[in-house]
Amino acid sequence: MKRLSAVLALTALGAATGALAQQTYQQQSPQPPAASSSQQTRADTQALMKDCLTKIQAANPNASKEDVKAYCDKKVKEYSAQQSPEK
């Protein structure tokens, strides 16, 4: 029974994170290039991570902080990889 609960919680995490990523970046307007794009990228990544942690923990209060952080780390990296321009 616990395994089913874990699967359901992870499924909810996935749905919430997908919605979070779309919501976060659709609301932001394009910004002009900053003096240091790596600093801007780092700030965006930190903001996305913080938003993910807050929303996922709220949606899944029984999930461990370690699981939530690992999940958000993975989703933020996946999203960042999709957004990076190909060279």
PDB file of N, CA and C in Angstrom:
ATOM      1  N   MET A   1       0.816  -1.189   0.000  1.00  0.00           N
ATOM      2  CA  MET A   1       0.000   0.000   0.000  1.00  0.00           C
ATOM      3  C   MET A   1       0.865   1.260   0.000  1.00  0.00           C
ATOM      4  N   LYS A   2       1.980   1.220   0.745  1.00  0.00           N
ATOM      5  CA  LYS A   2       2.866   2.371   0.784  1.00  0.00           C
ATOM      6  C   LYS A   2       3.480   2.621  -0.582  1.00  0.00           C
ATOM      7  N   ARG A   3       3.767   1.545  -1.302  1.00  0.00           N
ATOM      8  CA  ARG A   3       4.374   1.681  -2.626  1.00  0.00           C
ATOM      9  C   ARG A   3       3.405   2.391  -3.569  1.00  0.00           C
ATOM     10  N   LEU A   4       2.126   2.059  -3.488  1.00  0.00           N
ATOM     11  CA  LEU A   4       1.113   2.707  -4.316  1.00  0.00           C
ATOM     12  C   LEU A   4       1.036   4.193  -3.971  1.00  0.00           C
ATOM     13  N   SER A   5       1.100   4.515  -2.702  1.00  0.00           N
ATOM     14  CA  SER A   5       1.073   5.918  -2.286  1.00  0.00           C
ATOM     15  C   SER A   5       2.276   6.669  -2.829  1.00  0.00           C
ATOM     16  N   ALA A   6       3.430   6.029  -2.810  1.00  0.00           N
ATOM     17  CA  ALA A   6       4.638   6.668  -3.337  1.00  0.00           C
ATOM     18  C   ALA A   6       4.506   6.915  -4.838  1.00  0.00           C
ATOM     19  N   VAL A   7       3.963   5.944  -5.552  1.00  0.00           N
ATOM     20  CA  VAL A   7       3.781   6.091  -6.996  1.00  0.00           C
ATOM     21  C   VAL A   7       2.810   7.229  -7.283  1.00  0.00           C
ATOM     22  N   LEU A   8       1.722   7.292  -6.536  1.00  0.00           N
ATOM     23  CA  LEU A   8       0.753   8.366  -6.732  1.00  0.00           C
ATOM     24  C   LEU A   8       1.363   9.718  -6.403  1.00  0.00           C
ATOM     25  N   ALA A   9       2.166   9.776  -5.356  1.00  0.00           N
ATOM     26  CA  ALA A   9       2.807  11.038  -4.984  1.00  0.00           C
ATOM     27  C   ALA A   9       3.770  11.484  -6.071  1.00  0.00           C
ATOM     28  N   LEU A  10       4.563  10.565  -6.612  1.00  0.00           N
ATOM     29  CA  LEU A  10       5.500  10.919  -7.673  1.00  0.00           C
ATOM     30  C   LEU A  10       4.777  11.339  -8.944  1.00  0.00           C
ATOM     31  N   THR A  11       3.653  10.708  -9.226  1.00  0.00           N
ATOM     32  CA  THR A  11       2.861  11.102 -10.381  1.00  0.00           C
ATOM     33  C   THR A  11       2.344  12.525 -10.203  1.00  0.00           C
ATOM     34  N   ALA A  12       1.873  12.828  -9.001  1.00  0.00           N
ATOM     35  CA  ALA A  12       1.404  14.183  -8.715  1.00  0.00           C
ATOM     36  C   ALA A  12       2.552  15.177  -8.815  1.00  0.00           C
ATOM     37  N   LEU A  13       3.739  14.774  -8.359  1.00  0.00           N
ATOM     38  CA  LEU A  13       4.913  15.642  -8.468  1.00  0.00           C
ATOM     39  C   LEU A  13       5.197  15.969  -9.929  1.00  0.00           C
ATOM     40  N   GLY A  14       5.131  14.966 -10.764  1.00  0.00           N
ATOM     41  CA  GLY A  14       5.399  15.177 -12.182  1.00  0.00           C
ATOM     42  C   GLY A  14       4.409  16.127 -12.824  1.00  0.00           C
ATOM     43  N   ALA A  15       3.147  15.929 -12.544  1.00  0.00           N
ATOM     44  CA  ALA A  15       2.123  16.801 -13.114  1.00  0.00           C
ATOM     45  C   ALA A  15       2.273  18.230 -12.621  1.00  0.00           C
ATOM     46  N   ALA A  16       2.538  18.374 -11.337  1.00  0.00           N
ATOM     47  CA  ALA A  16       2.676  19.718 -10.770  1.00  0.00           C
ATOM     48  C   ALA A  16       3.910  20.418 -11.314  1.00  0.00           C
ATOM     49  N   THR A  17       4.993  19.694 -11.493  1.00  0.00           N
ATOM     50  CA  THR A  17       6.215  20.313 -11.998  1.00  0.00           C
ATOM     51  C   THR A  17       6.058  20.722 -13.452  1.00  0.00           C
ATOM     52  N   GLY A  18       5.410  19.895 -14.234  1.00  0.00           N
ATOM     53  CA  GLY A  18       5.170  20.265 -15.632  1.00  0.00           C
ATOM     54  C   GLY A  18       4.346  21.535 -15.734  1.00  0.00           C
ATOM     55  N   ALA A  19       3.308  21.607 -14.935  1.00  0.00           N
ATOM     56  CA  ALA A  19       2.484  22.817 -14.918  1.00  0.00           C
ATOM     57  C   ALA A  19       3.285  24.003 -14.415  1.00  0.00           C
ATOM     58  N   LEU A  20       4.118  23.767 -13.415  1.00  0.00           N
ATOM     59  CA  LEU A  20       4.958  24.826 -12.847  1.00  0.00           C
ATOM     60  C   LEU A  20       5.911  25.379 -13.894  1.00  0.00           C
ATOM     61  N   ALA A  21       6.566  24.528 -14.632  1.00  0.00           N
ATOM     62  CA  ALA A  21       7.535  24.985 -15.632  1.00  0.00           C
ATOM     63  C   ALA A  21       6.845  25.816 -16.709  1.00  0.00           C
ATOM     64  N   GLN A  22       5.682  25.372 -17.158  1.00  0.00           N
ATOM     65  CA  GLN A  22       4.956  26.127 -18.169  1.00  0.00           C
ATOM     66  C   GLN A  22       4.488  27.463 -17.618  1.00  0.00           C
ATOM     67  N   GLN A  23       3.950  27.457 -16.432  1.00  0.00           N
ATOM     68  CA  GLN A  23       3.420  28.665 -15.806  1.00  0.00           C
ATOM     69  C   GLN A  23       4.523  29.681 -15.557  1.00  0.00           C
ATOM     70  N   THR A  24       5.631  29.241 -15.007  1.00  0.00           N
ATOM     71  CA  THR A  24       6.720  30.132 -14.641  1.00  0.00           C
ATOM     72  C   THR A  24       7.269  30.865 -15.856  1.00  0.00           C
ATOM     73  N   TYR A  25       7.512  30.152 -16.936  1.00  0.00           N
ATOM     74  CA  TYR A  25       8.156  30.767 -18.076  1.00  0.00           C
ATOM     75  C   TYR A  25       7.190  31.430 -19.036  1.00  0.00           C
ATOM     76  N   GLN A  26       5.921  31.117 -18.989  1.00  0.00           N
ATOM     77  CA  GLN A  26       4.958  31.811 -19.823  1.00  0.00           C
ATOM     78  C   GLN A  26       4.665  33.196 -19.260  1.00  0.00           C
ATOM     79  N   GLN A  27       4.765  33.356 -17.957  1.00  0.00           N
ATOM     80  CA  GLN A  27       4.446  34.624 -17.327  1.00  0.00           C
ATOM     81  C   GLN A  27       5.579  35.633 -17.455  1.00  0.00           C
ATOM     82  N   GLN A  28       6.787  35.191 -17.669  1.00  0.00           N
ATOM     83  CA  GLN A  28       7.917  36.097 -17.739  1.00  0.00           C
ATOM     84  C   GLN A  28       8.031  36.673 -19.143  1.00  0.00           C
ATOM     85  N   SER A  29       8.321  37.961 -19.221  1.00  0.00           N
ATOM     86  CA  SER A  29       8.529  38.580 -20.522  1.00  0.00           C
ATOM     87  C   SER A  29       9.994  38.414 -20.905  1.00  0.00           C
ATOM     88  N   PRO A  30      10.271  38.383 -22.183  1.00  0.00           N
ATOM     89  CA  PRO A  30      11.668  38.260 -22.606  1.00  0.00           C
ATOM     90  C   PRO A  30      12.482  39.445 -22.104  1.00  0.00           C
ATOM     91  N   GLN A  31      13.679  39.170 -21.646  1.00  0.00           N
ATOM     92  CA  GLN A  31      14.534  40.226 -21.133  1.00  0.00           C
ATOM     93  C   GLN A  31      15.716  40.420 -22.058  1.00  0.00           C
ATOM     94  N   PRO A  32      16.208  41.647 -22.140  1.00  0.00           N
ATOM     95  CA  PRO A  32      17.379  41.877 -22.985  1.00  0.00           C
ATOM     96  C   PRO A  32      18.582  41.127 -22.429  1.00  0.00           C
ATOM     97  N   PRO A  33      19.560  40.828 -23.270  1.00  0.00           N
ATOM     98  CA  PRO A  33      20.743  40.114 -22.788  1.00  0.00           C
ATOM     99  C   PRO A  33      21.424  40.885 -21.654  1.00  0.00           C
ATOM    100  N   ALA A  34      21.748  40.188 -20.621  1.00  0.00           N
ATOM    101  CA  ALA A  34      22.412  40.802 -19.471  1.00  0.00           C
ATOM    102  C   ALA A  34      23.912  40.841 -19.727  1.00  0.00           C
ATOM    103  N   ALA A  35      24.611  41.591 -18.899  1.00  0.00           N
ATOM    104  CA  ALA A  35      26.066  41.672 -19.037  1.00  0.00           C
ATOM    105  C   ALA A  35      26.674  40.281 -18.917  1.00  0.00           C
ATOM    106  N   SER A  36      26.114  39.480 -18.034  1.00  0.00           N
ATOM    107  CA  SER A  36      26.616  38.129 -17.855  1.00  0.00           C
ATOM    108  C   SER A  36      25.444  37.155 -17.951  1.00  0.00           C
ATOM    109  N   SER A  37      25.337  36.468 -19.080  1.00  0.00           N
ATOM    110  CA  SER A  37      24.214  35.554 -19.268  1.00  0.00           C
ATOM    111  C   SER A  37      24.296  34.367 -18.324  1.00  0.00           C
ATOM    112  N   SER A  38      25.504  33.982 -17.899  1.00  0.00           N
ATOM    113  CA  SER A  38      25.616  32.857 -16.966  1.00  0.00           C
ATOM    114  C   SER A  38      25.036  33.224 -15.606  1.00  0.00           C
ATOM    115  N   GLN A  39      25.203  34.491 -15.194  1.00  0.00           N
ATOM    116  CA  GLN A  39      24.607  34.924 -13.924  1.00  0.00           C
ATOM    117  C   GLN A  39      23.089  34.926 -14.032  1.00  0.00           C
ATOM    118  N   GLN A  40      22.567  35.363 -15.171  1.00  0.00           N
ATOM    119  CA  GLN A  40      21.118  35.383 -15.373  1.00  0.00           C
ATOM    120  C   GLN A  40      20.573  33.960 -15.390  1.00  0.00           C
ATOM    121  N   THR A  41      21.274  33.061 -16.063  1.00  0.00           N
ATOM    122  CA  THR A  41      20.841  31.672 -16.122  1.00  0.00           C
ATOM    123  C   THR A  41      20.821  31.057 -14.731  1.00  0.00           C
ATOM    124  N   ARG A  42      21.843  31.353 -13.947  1.00  0.00           N
ATOM    125  CA  ARG A  42      21.914  30.824 -12.586  1.00  0.00           C
ATOM    126  C   ARG A  42      20.757  31.369 -11.748  1.00  0.00           C
ATOM    127  N   ALA A  43      20.451  32.645 -11.896  1.00  0.00           N
ATOM    128  CA  ALA A  43      19.348  33.249 -11.143  1.00  0.00           C
ATOM    129  C   ALA A  43      18.011  32.638 -11.556  1.00  0.00           C
ATOM    130  N   ASP A  44      17.819  32.427 -12.869  1.00  0.00           N
ATOM    131  CA  ASP A  44      16.586  31.805 -13.353  1.00  0.00           C
ATOM    132  C   ASP A  44      16.442  30.389 -12.824  1.00  0.00           C
ATOM    133  N   THR A  45      17.546  29.645 -12.833  1.00  0.00           N
ATOM    134  CA  THR A  45      17.532  28.266 -12.347  1.00  0.00           C
ATOM    135  C   THR A  45      17.207  28.220 -10.858  1.00  0.00           C
ATOM    136  N   GLN A  46      17.787  29.130 -10.097  1.00  0.00           N
ATOM    137  CA  GLN A  46      17.505  29.180  -8.658  1.00  0.00           C
ATOM    138  C   GLN A  46      16.050  29.532  -8.401  1.00  0.00           C
ATOM    139  N   ALA A  47      15.518  30.463  -9.173  1.00  0.00           N
ATOM    140  CA  ALA A  47      14.121  30.853  -9.004  1.00  0.00           C
ATOM    141  C   ALA A  47      13.189  29.692  -9.346  1.00  0.00           C
ATOM    142  N   LEU A  48      13.486  28.993 -10.427  1.00  0.00           N
ATOM    143  CA  LEU A  48      12.670  27.848 -10.826  1.00  0.00           C
ATOM    144  C   LEU A  48      12.736  26.754  -9.769  1.00  0.00           C
ATOM    145  N   MET A  49      13.932  26.503  -9.238  1.00  0.00           N
ATOM    146  CA  MET A  49      14.110  25.482  -8.208  1.00  0.00           C
ATOM    147  C   MET A  49      13.309  25.842  -6.958  1.00  0.00           C
ATOM    148  N   LYS A  50      13.410  27.082  -6.523  1.00  0.00           N
ATOM    149  CA  LYS A  50      12.688  27.526  -5.326  1.00  0.00           C
ATOM    150  C   LYS A  50      11.182  27.377  -5.529  1.00  0.00           C
ATOM    151  N   ASP A  51      10.711  27.773  -6.702  1.00  0.00           N
ATOM    152  CA  ASP A  51       9.289  27.677  -7.017  1.00  0.00           C
ATOM    153  C   ASP A  51       8.839  26.217  -7.025  1.00  0.00           C
ATOM    154  N   CYS A  52       9.649  25.362  -7.624  1.00  0.00           N
ATOM    155  CA  CYS A  52       9.336  23.935  -7.680  1.00  0.00           C
ATOM    156  C   CYS A  52       9.246  23.348  -6.273  1.00  0.00           C
ATOM    157  N   LEU A  53      10.260  23.608  -5.461  1.00  0.00           N
ATOM    158  CA  LEU A  53      10.271  23.072  -4.098  1.00  0.00           C
ATOM    159  C   LEU A  53       9.041  23.505  -3.320  1.00  0.00           C
ATOM    160  N   THR A  54       8.707  24.787  -3.422  1.00  0.00           N
ATOM    161  CA  THR A  54       7.555  25.322  -2.689  1.00  0.00           C
ATOM    162  C   THR A  54       6.263  24.644  -3.124  1.00  0.00           C
ATOM    163  N   LYS A  55       6.053  24.571  -4.429  1.00  0.00           N
ATOM    164  CA  LYS A  55       4.791  24.017  -4.936  1.00  0.00           C
ATOM    165  C   LYS A  55       4.685  22.511  -4.736  1.00  0.00           C
ATOM    166  N   ILE A  56       5.782  21.793  -4.947  1.00  0.00           N
ATOM    167  CA  ILE A  56       5.738  20.342  -4.819  1.00  0.00           C
ATOM    168  C   ILE A  56       5.565  19.935  -3.354  1.00  0.00           C
ATOM    169  N   GLN A  57       6.253  20.634  -2.451  1.00  0.00           N
ATOM    170  CA  GLN A  57       6.089  20.327  -1.028  1.00  0.00           C
ATOM    171  C   GLN A  57       4.666  20.628  -0.578  1.00  0.00           C
ATOM    172  N   ALA A  58       4.082  21.710  -1.084  1.00  0.00           N
ATOM    173  CA  ALA A  58       2.704  22.054  -0.715  1.00  0.00           C
ATOM    174  C   ALA A  58       1.717  21.015  -1.252  1.00  0.00           C
ATOM    175  N   ALA A  59       1.968  20.533  -2.465  1.00  0.00           N
ATOM    176  CA  ALA A  59       1.072  19.552  -3.072  1.00  0.00           C
ATOM    177  C   ALA A  59       1.255  18.149  -2.492  1.00  0.00           C
ATOM    178  N   ASN A  60       2.429  17.891  -1.915  1.00  0.00           N
ATOM    179  CA  ASN A  60       2.748  16.557  -1.393  1.00  0.00           C
ATOM    180  C   ASN A  60       3.389  16.671  -0.021  1.00  0.00           C
ATOM    181  N   PRO A  61       2.617  17.058   0.987  1.00  0.00           N
ATOM    182  CA  PRO A  61       3.197  17.287   2.315  1.00  0.00           C
ATOM    183  C   PRO A  61       3.817  16.047   2.950  1.00  0.00           C
ATOM    184  N   ASN A  62       3.435  14.865   2.505  1.00  0.00           N
ATOM    185  CA  ASN A  62       3.986  13.636   3.088  1.00  0.00           C
ATOM    186  C   ASN A  62       5.283  13.185   2.432  1.00  0.00           C
ATOM    187  N   ALA A  63       5.650  13.806   1.323  1.00  0.00           N
ATOM    188  CA  ALA A  63       6.888  13.431   0.640  1.00  0.00           C
ATOM    189  C   ALA A  63       8.081  13.978   1.424  1.00  0.00           C
ATOM    190  N   SER A  64       9.168  13.212   1.438  1.00  0.00           N
ATOM    191  CA  SER A  64      10.349  13.667   2.170  1.00  0.00           C
ATOM    192  C   SER A  64      11.002  14.832   1.419  1.00  0.00           C
ATOM    193  N   LYS A  65      11.672  15.699   2.170  1.00  0.00           N
ATOM    194  CA  LYS A  65      12.333  16.852   1.557  1.00  0.00           C
ATOM    195  C   LYS A  65      13.408  16.400   0.579  1.00  0.00           C
ATOM    196  N   GLU A  66      14.083  15.298   0.893  1.00  0.00           N
ATOM    197  CA  GLU A  66      15.123  14.787   0.013  1.00  0.00           C
ATOM    198  C   GLU A  66      14.536  14.341  -1.324  1.00  0.00           C
ATOM    199  N   ASP A  67      13.382  13.649  -1.274  1.00  0.00           N
ATOM    200  CA  ASP A  67      12.736  13.202  -2.504  1.00  0.00           C
ATOM    201  C   ASP A  67      12.268  14.385  -3.336  1.00  0.00           C
ATOM    202  N   VAL A  68      11.693  15.375  -2.673  1.00  0.00           N
ATOM    203  CA  VAL A  68      11.204  16.555  -3.376  1.00  0.00           C
ATOM    204  C   VAL A  68      12.373  17.298  -4.024  1.00  0.00           C
ATOM    205  N   LYS A  69      13.470  17.464  -3.280  1.00  0.00           N
ATOM    206  CA  LYS A  69      14.642  18.164  -3.825  1.00  0.00           C
ATOM    207  C   LYS A  69      15.227  17.407  -5.011  1.00  0.00           C
ATOM    208  N   ALA A  70      15.346  16.096  -4.881  1.00  0.00           N
ATOM    209  CA  ALA A  70      15.887  15.289  -5.976  1.00  0.00           C
ATOM    210  C   ALA A  70      14.993  15.398  -7.213  1.00  0.00           C
ATOM    211  N   TYR A  71      13.700  15.365  -7.000  1.00  0.00           N
ATOM    212  CA  TYR A  71      12.759  15.471  -8.105  1.00  0.00           C
ATOM    213  C   TYR A  71      12.873  16.837  -8.783  1.00  0.00           C
ATOM    214  N   CYS A  72      12.912  17.900  -7.990  1.00  0.00           N
ATOM    215  CA  CYS A  72      13.013  19.246  -8.552  1.00  0.00           C
ATOM    216  C   CYS A  72      14.355  19.446  -9.257  1.00  0.00           C
ATOM    217  N   ASP A  73      15.428  18.917  -8.684  1.00  0.00           N
ATOM    218  CA  ASP A  73      16.742  18.990  -9.343  1.00  0.00           C
ATOM    219  C   ASP A  73      16.649  18.385 -10.743  1.00  0.00           C
ATOM    220  N   LYS A  74      16.059  17.211 -10.816  1.00  0.00           N
ATOM    221  CA  LYS A  74      15.944  16.510 -12.096  1.00  0.00           C
ATOM    222  C   LYS A  74      15.108  17.308 -13.092  1.00  0.00           C
ATOM    223  N   LYS A  75      13.971  17.814 -12.640  1.00  0.00           N
ATOM    224  CA  LYS A  75      13.076  18.544 -13.535  1.00  0.00           C
ATOM    225  C   LYS A  75      13.671  19.873 -13.991  1.00  0.00           C
ATOM    226  N   VAL A  76      14.356  20.565 -13.103  1.00  0.00           N
ATOM    227  CA  VAL A  76      14.989  21.831 -13.465  1.00  0.00           C
ATOM    228  C   VAL A  76      16.093  21.578 -14.491  1.00  0.00           C
ATOM    229  N   LYS A  77      16.877  20.528 -14.291  1.00  0.00           N
ATOM    230  CA  LYS A  77      17.940  20.194 -15.251  1.00  0.00           C
ATOM    231  C   LYS A  77      17.352  19.831 -16.611  1.00  0.00           C
ATOM    232  N   GLU A  78      16.274  19.049 -16.599  1.00  0.00           N
ATOM    233  CA  GLU A  78      15.627  18.675 -17.858  1.00  0.00           C
ATOM    234  C   GLU A  78      15.100  19.917 -18.567  1.00  0.00           C
ATOM    235  N   TYR A  79      14.468  20.802 -17.820  1.00  0.00           N
ATOM    236  CA  TYR A  79      13.913  22.013 -18.415  1.00  0.00           C
ATOM    237  C   TYR A  79      15.032  22.902 -18.952  1.00  0.00           C
ATOM    238  N   SER A  80      16.090  23.044 -18.187  1.00  0.00           N
ATOM    239  CA  SER A  80      17.225  23.883 -18.602  1.00  0.00           C
ATOM    240  C   SER A  80      17.858  23.334 -19.877  1.00  0.00           C
ATOM    241  N   ALA A  81      17.956  22.021 -19.974  1.00  0.00           N
ATOM    242  CA  ALA A  81      18.542  21.404 -21.161  1.00  0.00           C
ATOM    243  C   ALA A  81      17.673  21.666 -22.387  1.00  0.00           C
ATOM    244  N   GLN A  82      16.359  21.682 -22.213  1.00  0.00           N
ATOM    245  CA  GLN A  82      15.447  21.952 -23.320  1.00  0.00           C
ATOM    246  C   GLN A  82      15.534  23.402 -23.771  1.00  0.00           C
ATOM    247  N   GLN A  83      15.808  24.304 -22.832  1.00  0.00           N
ATOM    248  CA  GLN A  83      15.841  25.731 -23.130  1.00  0.00           C
ATOM    249  C   GLN A  83      17.171  26.213 -23.669  1.00  0.00           C
ATOM    250  N   SER A  84      18.227  25.426 -23.486  1.00  0.00           N
ATOM    251  CA  SER A  84      19.566  25.827 -23.939  1.00  0.00           C
ATOM    252  C   SER A  84      19.619  25.821 -25.458  1.00  0.00           C
ATOM    253  N   PRO A  85      20.158  26.887 -26.043  1.00  0.00           N
ATOM    254  CA  PRO A  85      20.292  26.901 -27.495  1.00  0.00           C
ATOM    255  C   PRO A  85      21.343  25.890 -27.939  1.00  0.00           C
ATOM    256  N   GLU A  86      21.067  25.199 -29.024  1.00  0.00           N
ATOM    257  CA  GLU A  86      22.021  24.201 -29.532  1.00  0.00           C
ATOM    258  C   GLU A  86      23.171  24.923 -30.214  1.00  0.00           C
ATOM    259  N   LYS A  87      24.352  24.359 -30.054  1.00  0.00           N
ATOM    260  CA  LYS A  87      25.540  24.968 -30.679  1.00  0.00           C
ATOM    261  C   LYS A  87      25.905  24.243 -31.941  1.00  0.00           C
TER     262      LYS A  87
END
